[in-house]
Amino acid sequence: MDDVSGTTQNVLSERHTKSADVGAESMDRAAAAAILNAVGARLRTARLNQGLSLAEAAARLYISDSVLSRLERAGRDSGLLRLIMTSSALGMRLSDVLRLAEDDAFPLGSAPWTVCRTTASHGVTPADE
């Protein structure tokens, strides 16, 4: 999180200034980082609750364990941080943006993760399907 370049800081400052044009006040970087850290902690908790090692979860996701570790630790500036800041600048919570996007993409009950939850509760994982 601390490895953001000066250029990125300038862009974020410009976006913060321009957010007044759309009638919304962007959150500061520390607030966005707090959300990013909480997301990482939630991901780690979900992985541990499923009894998965970092390597096992990363293999299921087709990413390296170092990438998953960075996501869980919020160890790098990420697209998620940009989404949090952008949502805030537009006067919305990221969770609302994501919920609305999911609703648009998948009518109620048709989302692929609803099938995963149902089968996972019966001991079948998405990787087994």
Protein backbone atom coordinates (compact mmCIF):
# COMPACT_ATOMS: atom_id res chain seq x y z
CA MET A 1 0.00 0.00 0.00
CA ASP A 2 2.89 2.36 0.63
CA ASP A 3 4.48 1.87 -2.79
CA VAL A 4 2.20 4.31 -4.64
CA SER A 5 4.15 6.61 -6.94
CA GLY A 6 3.97 10.37 -6.88
CA THR A 7 2.17 10.27 -10.22
CA THR A 8 -0.58 8.10 -8.76
CA GLN A 9 -0.86 10.45 -5.79
CA ASN A 10 -1.27 13.39 -8.20
CA VAL A 11 -3.97 11.56 -10.14
CA LEU A 12 -5.81 10.76 -6.92
CA SER A 13 -5.54 14.40 -5.85
CA GLU A 14 -6.92 15.54 -9.21
CA ARG A 15 -9.80 13.06 -8.92
CA HIS A 16 -10.49 14.31 -5.39
CA THR A 17 -10.61 17.89 -6.64
CA LYS A 18 -12.79 16.97 -9.62
CA SER A 19 -15.19 15.02 -7.40
CA ALA A 20 -16.64 18.34 -6.28
CA ASP A 21 -17.85 18.76 -9.85
CA VAL A 22 -20.15 15.74 -9.46
CA GLY A 23 -21.35 16.81 -6.04
CA ALA A 24 -19.63 14.09 -4.05
CA GLU A 25 -16.66 14.16 -1.71
CA SER A 26 -14.09 11.43 -2.25
CA MET A 27 -12.84 9.55 0.78
CA ASP A 28 -9.22 9.97 1.72
CA ARG A 29 -6.63 7.33 0.98
CA ALA A 30 -6.48 6.14 4.59
CA ALA A 31 -10.22 5.40 4.64
CA ALA A 32 -9.99 3.54 1.34
CA ALA A 33 -6.99 1.59 2.64
CA ALA A 34 -8.98 0.61 5.73
CA ILE A 35 -11.68 -0.90 3.49
CA LEU A 36 -9.04 -2.66 1.41
CA ASN A 37 -7.48 -4.13 4.57
CA ALA A 38 -10.89 -5.30 5.76
CA VAL A 39 -11.54 -6.98 2.39
CA GLY A 40 -8.22 -8.80 2.67
CA ALA A 41 -9.01 -9.93 6.19
CA ARG A 42 -12.43 -11.21 5.05
CA LEU A 43 -10.83 -13.17 2.21
CA ARG A 44 -8.30 -14.73 4.60
CA THR A 45 -11.02 -15.62 7.12
CA ALA A 46 -13.16 -17.23 4.40
CA ARG A 47 -10.17 -19.27 3.20
CA LEU A 48 -9.29 -20.42 6.72
CA ASN A 49 -12.93 -21.23 7.51
CA GLN A 50 -12.92 -23.58 4.52
CA GLY A 51 -9.75 -25.21 5.83
CA LEU A 52 -7.72 -24.21 2.79
CA SER A 53 -4.03 -23.44 2.86
CA LEU A 54 -2.81 -20.46 0.93
CA ALA A 55 -1.38 -22.78 -1.75
CA GLU A 56 -4.62 -24.81 -2.03
CA ALA A 57 -6.80 -21.71 -2.40
CA ALA A 58 -4.40 -20.13 -4.89
CA ALA A 59 -4.41 -23.31 -6.99
CA ARG A 60 -8.23 -23.28 -7.09
CA LEU A 61 -8.14 -19.66 -8.21
CA TYR A 62 -5.40 -20.26 -10.80
CA ILE A 63 -3.18 -17.59 -9.25
CA SER A 64 0.11 -17.81 -7.40
CA ASP A 65 0.07 -18.06 -3.63
CA SER A 66 2.09 -14.82 -3.47
CA VAL A 67 -0.69 -12.98 -5.33
CA LEU A 68 -3.32 -14.37 -2.96
CA SER A 69 -1.16 -13.48 0.02
CA ARG A 70 -0.86 -9.88 -1.20
CA LEU A 71 -4.63 -9.70 -1.64
CA GLU A 72 -5.18 -10.96 1.89
CA ARG A 73 -2.62 -8.53 3.32
CA ALA A 74 -3.63 -5.64 1.05
CA GLY A 75 0.09 -5.57 0.30
CA ARG A 76 -0.02 -3.71 -3.00
CA ASP A 77 -1.91 -0.87 -4.54
CA SER A 78 -4.65 -2.61 -6.44
CA GLY A 79 -7.53 -2.11 -8.76
CA LEU A 80 -9.79 -2.59 -5.75
CA LEU A 81 -8.35 0.52 -4.12
CA ARG A 82 -9.09 2.44 -7.32
CA LEU A 83 -12.65 1.10 -7.35
CA ILE A 84 -13.17 2.16 -3.73
CA MET A 85 -11.88 5.66 -4.43
CA THR A 86 -13.87 6.00 -7.67
CA SER A 87 -17.10 4.79 -6.06
CA SER A 88 -16.65 7.25 -3.23
CA ALA A 89 -15.94 10.12 -5.61
CA LEU A 90 -19.25 9.35 -7.31
CA GLY A 91 -21.10 9.32 -4.01
CA MET A 92 -21.57 5.56 -3.74
CA ARG A 93 -20.30 2.77 -1.54
CA LEU A 94 -18.33 0.10 -3.38
CA SER A 95 -20.67 -2.54 -1.94
CA ASP A 96 -23.63 -0.78 -3.55
CA VAL A 97 -21.84 -0.57 -6.91
CA LEU A 98 -21.01 -4.27 -6.76
CA ARG A 99 -24.50 -5.28 -5.63
CA LEU A 100 -26.13 -3.30 -8.42
CA ALA A 101 -23.70 -4.71 -10.99
CA GLU A 102 -24.39 -8.26 -9.78
CA ASP A 103 -28.14 -7.62 -9.96
CA ASP A 104 -27.77 -6.32 -13.52
CA ALA A 105 -25.61 -9.26 -14.61
CA PHE A 106 -27.57 -12.01 -12.85
CA PRO A 107 -31.31 -11.89 -12.21
CA LEU A 108 -32.29 -13.03 -8.74
CA GLY A 109 -31.30 -16.63 -8.12
CA SER A 110 -29.34 -17.11 -11.35
CA ALA A 111 -25.89 -16.16 -10.08
CA PRO A 112 -23.24 -18.88 -10.40
CA TRP A 113 -22.27 -18.61 -6.73
CA THR A 114 -25.77 -19.57 -5.60
CA VAL A 115 -25.18 -22.99 -7.19
CA CYS A 116 -21.77 -23.22 -5.50
CA ARG A 117 -23.24 -22.50 -2.08
CA THR A 118 -25.91 -25.13 -2.52
CA THR A 119 -23.51 -27.82 -3.67
CA ALA A 120 -20.82 -26.82 -1.18
CA SER A 121 -23.26 -27.38 1.66
CA HIS A 122 -23.57 -30.98 0.47
CA GLY A 123 -19.82 -31.57 0.43
CA VAL A 124 -19.31 -30.85 -3.26
CA THR A 125 -16.96 -28.01 -4.12
CA PRO A 126 -16.92 -26.01 -7.36
CA ALA A 127 -13.58 -27.68 -8.21
CA ASP A 128 -15.28 -31.12 -8.05
CA GLU A 129 -17.91 -30.19 -10.63
